[in-house]
Amino acid sequence: MGTCLVIKKWGNNLGVRLPAAIVHEAKLHADQEVMLTVEHGRVIVEPIRTSADLTLDERLQLFDPALHGGEGMFTEPVGAESW
C-alpha cells in the first residue's frame, strides 16, 4: 500500500501522520516504540517487538522451566490442601 504524505514541522523536528489504513496494515499502535533507520535514502520505520507483542506459542517456546523453578504442579496435597 502506498500513500503520499506531506512532511510538516513539529517543534524543532519534522513529522508525518500515519493514516489509519497504514497503521492497521503494519499492526502499529499509539505509543509503540519503533526503530527508525535510513537505507539508500529511504526512511524505514520498524516496530520494536516486546514480550507483550508475542503470541502464546512464541512465549511458550521461550519458556525455560529450569529458570522458573521447574514443575509447579505436585501430585500430593501440600499443607492444608486436603480435599
N, C-alpha and C. Protein backbone atom coordinates (compact mmCIF):
# COMPACT_ATOMS: atom_id res chain seq x y z
N MET A 1 0.86 -1.17 0.00
CA MET A 1 0.00 0.00 0.00
C MET A 1 0.90 1.23 0.00
N GLY A 2 0.65 2.16 -0.87
CA GLY A 2 1.41 3.41 -0.92
C GLY A 2 0.50 4.60 -0.69
N THR A 3 1.00 5.59 0.00
CA THR A 3 0.24 6.80 0.30
C THR A 3 1.18 7.99 0.23
N CYS A 4 0.76 9.07 -0.40
CA CYS A 4 1.55 10.29 -0.43
C CYS A 4 1.20 11.14 0.78
N LEU A 5 2.22 11.59 1.50
CA LEU A 5 2.04 12.40 2.69
C LEU A 5 2.87 13.66 2.58
N VAL A 6 2.57 14.65 3.40
CA VAL A 6 3.34 15.89 3.44
C VAL A 6 4.07 15.93 4.78
N ILE A 7 5.37 16.20 4.72
CA ILE A 7 6.17 16.34 5.94
C ILE A 7 5.88 17.71 6.53
N LYS A 8 5.57 17.76 7.80
CA LYS A 8 5.24 19.01 8.49
C LYS A 8 6.25 19.30 9.59
N LYS A 9 6.39 20.58 9.92
CA LYS A 9 7.24 21.00 11.03
C LYS A 9 6.53 20.66 12.34
N TRP A 10 7.28 20.09 13.29
CA TRP A 10 6.73 19.71 14.59
C TRP A 10 7.77 20.11 15.63
N GLY A 11 7.63 21.31 16.19
CA GLY A 11 8.66 21.86 17.08
C GLY A 11 9.93 22.10 16.28
N ASN A 12 11.05 21.56 16.75
CA ASN A 12 12.32 21.68 16.02
C ASN A 12 12.53 20.52 15.06
N ASN A 13 11.55 19.64 14.94
CA ASN A 13 11.67 18.43 14.12
C ASN A 13 10.69 18.46 12.97
N LEU A 14 10.74 17.42 12.17
CA LEU A 14 9.77 17.22 11.10
C LEU A 14 9.01 15.94 11.40
N GLY A 15 7.77 15.85 10.92
CA GLY A 15 6.99 14.65 11.19
C GLY A 15 5.94 14.40 10.13
N VAL A 16 5.45 13.18 10.10
CA VAL A 16 4.33 12.79 9.24
C VAL A 16 3.29 12.09 10.11
N ARG A 17 2.04 12.21 9.72
CA ARG A 17 0.97 11.48 10.41
C ARG A 17 0.69 10.23 9.59
N LEU A 18 0.65 9.11 10.27
CA LEU A 18 0.40 7.85 9.59
C LEU A 18 -1.10 7.61 9.47
N PRO A 19 -1.59 7.41 8.25
CA PRO A 19 -3.02 7.15 8.08
C PRO A 19 -3.43 5.84 8.76
N ALA A 20 -4.68 5.78 9.20
CA ALA A 20 -5.19 4.62 9.92
C ALA A 20 -5.01 3.33 9.11
N ALA A 21 -5.20 3.38 7.80
CA ALA A 21 -5.06 2.18 6.98
C ALA A 21 -3.63 1.64 7.03
N ILE A 22 -2.64 2.53 7.01
CA ILE A 22 -1.23 2.12 7.09
C ILE A 22 -0.95 1.54 8.48
N VAL A 23 -1.44 2.22 9.51
CA VAL A 23 -1.23 1.77 10.89
C VAL A 23 -1.83 0.38 11.07
N HIS A 24 -3.03 0.17 10.55
CA HIS A 24 -3.71 -1.12 10.69
C HIS A 24 -2.94 -2.21 9.94
N GLU A 25 -2.56 -1.93 8.71
CA GLU A 25 -1.85 -2.94 7.90
C GLU A 25 -0.50 -3.30 8.52
N ALA A 26 0.19 -2.31 9.09
CA ALA A 26 1.51 -2.54 9.70
C ALA A 26 1.39 -3.04 11.14
N LYS A 27 0.16 -3.12 11.66
CA LYS A 27 -0.09 -3.56 13.04
C LYS A 27 0.67 -2.70 14.05
N LEU A 28 0.56 -1.38 13.88
CA LEU A 28 1.17 -0.43 14.80
C LEU A 28 0.11 0.10 15.76
N HIS A 29 0.55 0.72 16.85
CA HIS A 29 -0.40 1.33 17.78
C HIS A 29 0.25 2.55 18.43
N ALA A 30 -0.56 3.40 19.02
CA ALA A 30 -0.07 4.62 19.66
C ALA A 30 0.90 4.27 20.78
N ASP A 31 1.92 5.08 20.95
CA ASP A 31 2.94 4.94 21.99
C ASP A 31 3.82 3.70 21.82
N GLN A 32 3.76 3.06 20.66
CA GLN A 32 4.61 1.90 20.39
C GLN A 32 6.01 2.38 20.03
N GLU A 33 7.03 1.68 20.53
CA GLU A 33 8.40 2.02 20.16
C GLU A 33 8.71 1.46 18.78
N VAL A 34 9.39 2.27 17.97
CA VAL A 34 9.80 1.84 16.63
C VAL A 34 11.27 2.16 16.43
N MET A 35 11.90 1.44 15.51
CA MET A 35 13.28 1.70 15.12
C MET A 35 13.23 2.45 13.79
N LEU A 36 13.90 3.58 13.74
CA LEU A 36 13.93 4.41 12.55
C LEU A 36 15.32 4.32 11.95
N THR A 37 15.42 3.89 10.69
CA THR A 37 16.71 3.79 10.01
C THR A 37 16.60 4.41 8.62
N VAL A 38 17.75 4.71 8.05
CA VAL A 38 17.81 5.22 6.68
C VAL A 38 18.70 4.28 5.88
N GLU A 39 18.17 3.75 4.79
CA GLU A 39 18.93 2.88 3.90
C GLU A 39 18.73 3.35 2.47
N HIS A 40 19.83 3.69 1.82
CA HIS A 40 19.81 4.14 0.42
C HIS A 40 18.83 5.30 0.23
N GLY A 41 18.82 6.24 1.19
CA GLY A 41 17.96 7.41 1.08
C GLY A 41 16.50 7.16 1.43
N ARG A 42 16.17 5.96 1.90
CA ARG A 42 14.79 5.64 2.27
C ARG A 42 14.68 5.56 3.78
N VAL A 43 13.64 6.15 4.32
CA VAL A 43 13.38 6.10 5.76
C VAL A 43 12.55 4.85 6.04
N ILE A 44 13.03 4.03 6.96
CA ILE A 44 12.36 2.78 7.29
C ILE A 44 11.93 2.82 8.76
N VAL A 45 10.67 2.55 9.00
CA VAL A 45 10.11 2.52 10.35
C VAL A 45 9.75 1.06 10.65
N GLU A 46 10.40 0.49 11.68
CA GLU A 46 10.13 -0.90 12.05
C GLU A 46 9.71 -0.97 13.51
N PRO A 47 8.63 -1.68 13.81
CA PRO A 47 8.22 -1.82 15.20
C PRO A 47 9.25 -2.63 15.98
N ILE A 48 9.46 -2.23 17.23
CA ILE A 48 10.33 -2.99 18.13
C ILE A 48 9.42 -3.94 18.88
N ARG A 49 9.64 -5.23 18.71
CA ARG A 49 8.79 -6.22 19.37
C ARG A 49 9.16 -6.34 20.83
N THR A 50 8.15 -6.36 21.66
CA THR A 50 8.35 -6.56 23.09
C THR A 50 7.65 -7.87 23.47
N SER A 51 7.85 -8.30 24.69
CA SER A 51 7.21 -9.54 25.13
C SER A 51 5.69 -9.43 25.06
N ALA A 52 5.16 -8.22 25.18
CA ALA A 52 3.71 -8.03 25.09
C ALA A 52 3.19 -8.30 23.68
N ASP A 53 4.08 -8.22 22.68
CA ASP A 53 3.69 -8.45 21.29
C ASP A 53 3.75 -9.92 20.88
N LEU A 54 4.32 -10.77 21.72
CA LEU A 54 4.49 -12.18 21.37
C LEU A 54 3.17 -12.94 21.49
N THR A 55 3.01 -13.92 20.60
CA THR A 55 1.85 -14.81 20.71
C THR A 55 2.10 -15.80 21.83
N LEU A 56 1.07 -16.51 22.24
CA LEU A 56 1.23 -17.51 23.29
C LEU A 56 2.23 -18.58 22.87
N ASP A 57 2.16 -19.04 21.62
CA ASP A 57 3.11 -20.05 21.14
C ASP A 57 4.54 -19.55 21.22
N GLU A 58 4.76 -18.27 20.83
CA GLU A 58 6.11 -17.70 20.90
C GLU A 58 6.59 -17.61 22.35
N ARG A 59 5.70 -17.23 23.25
CA ARG A 59 6.07 -17.15 24.67
C ARG A 59 6.43 -18.52 25.22
N LEU A 60 5.63 -19.54 24.86
CA LEU A 60 5.89 -20.89 25.35
C LEU A 60 7.22 -21.43 24.83
N GLN A 61 7.58 -21.08 23.59
CA GLN A 61 8.86 -21.52 23.04
C GLN A 61 10.03 -20.91 23.80
N LEU A 62 9.86 -19.71 24.33
CA LEU A 62 10.92 -19.05 25.08
C LEU A 62 10.99 -19.49 26.54
N PHE A 63 9.96 -20.17 27.02
CA PHE A 63 9.89 -20.55 28.44
C PHE A 63 10.89 -21.65 28.76
N ASP A 64 11.67 -21.44 29.81
CA ASP A 64 12.63 -22.43 30.29
C ASP A 64 12.28 -22.78 31.73
N PRO A 65 11.70 -23.97 31.97
CA PRO A 65 11.30 -24.34 33.34
C PRO A 65 12.45 -24.29 34.33
N ALA A 66 13.67 -24.56 33.88
CA ALA A 66 14.83 -24.53 34.79
C ALA A 66 15.05 -23.13 35.36
N LEU A 67 14.67 -22.11 34.61
CA LEU A 67 14.84 -20.73 35.08
C LEU A 67 13.71 -20.29 36.00
N HIS A 68 12.63 -21.02 36.01
CA HIS A 68 11.44 -20.61 36.76
C HIS A 68 11.03 -21.63 37.82
N GLY A 69 11.98 -22.36 38.35
CA GLY A 69 11.69 -23.26 39.46
C GLY A 69 11.17 -24.63 39.08
N GLY A 70 11.21 -24.99 37.81
CA GLY A 70 10.78 -26.32 37.40
C GLY A 70 9.28 -26.50 37.45
N GLU A 71 8.87 -27.75 37.65
CA GLU A 71 7.46 -28.12 37.64
C GLU A 71 6.72 -27.44 38.79
N GLY A 72 5.55 -26.90 38.51
CA GLY A 72 4.78 -26.19 39.52
C GLY A 72 3.63 -27.01 40.07
N MET A 73 3.35 -28.16 39.50
CA MET A 73 2.24 -29.00 39.96
C MET A 73 2.81 -30.14 40.80
N PHE A 74 2.12 -30.45 41.88
CA PHE A 74 2.54 -31.54 42.75
C PHE A 74 1.47 -32.62 42.72
N THR A 75 1.88 -33.88 42.91
CA THR A 75 0.90 -34.97 42.87
C THR A 75 0.19 -35.15 44.20
N GLU A 76 0.81 -34.77 45.27
CA GLU A 76 0.23 -34.94 46.60
C GLU A 76 -0.19 -33.57 47.16
N PRO A 77 -1.25 -33.52 47.95
CA PRO A 77 -1.63 -32.26 48.59
C PRO A 77 -0.49 -31.72 49.46
N VAL A 78 -0.38 -30.41 49.50
CA VAL A 78 0.66 -29.77 50.29
C VAL A 78 -0.02 -28.94 51.37
N GLY A 79 0.47 -29.05 52.60
CA GLY A 79 -0.09 -28.25 53.68
C GLY A 79 -1.55 -28.59 53.95
N ALA A 80 -2.41 -27.57 53.98
CA ALA A 80 -3.83 -27.74 54.30
C ALA A 80 -4.68 -27.90 53.04
N GLU A 81 -4.11 -28.51 51.97
CA GLU A 81 -4.83 -28.64 50.71
C GLU A 81 -5.65 -29.92 50.61
N SER A 82 -5.88 -30.61 51.69
CA SER A 82 -6.64 -31.86 51.64
C SER A 82 -8.03 -31.61 51.09
N TRP A 83 -8.47 -32.51 50.21
CA TRP A 83 -9.79 -32.36 49.59
C TRP A 83 -10.71 -33.41 50.10
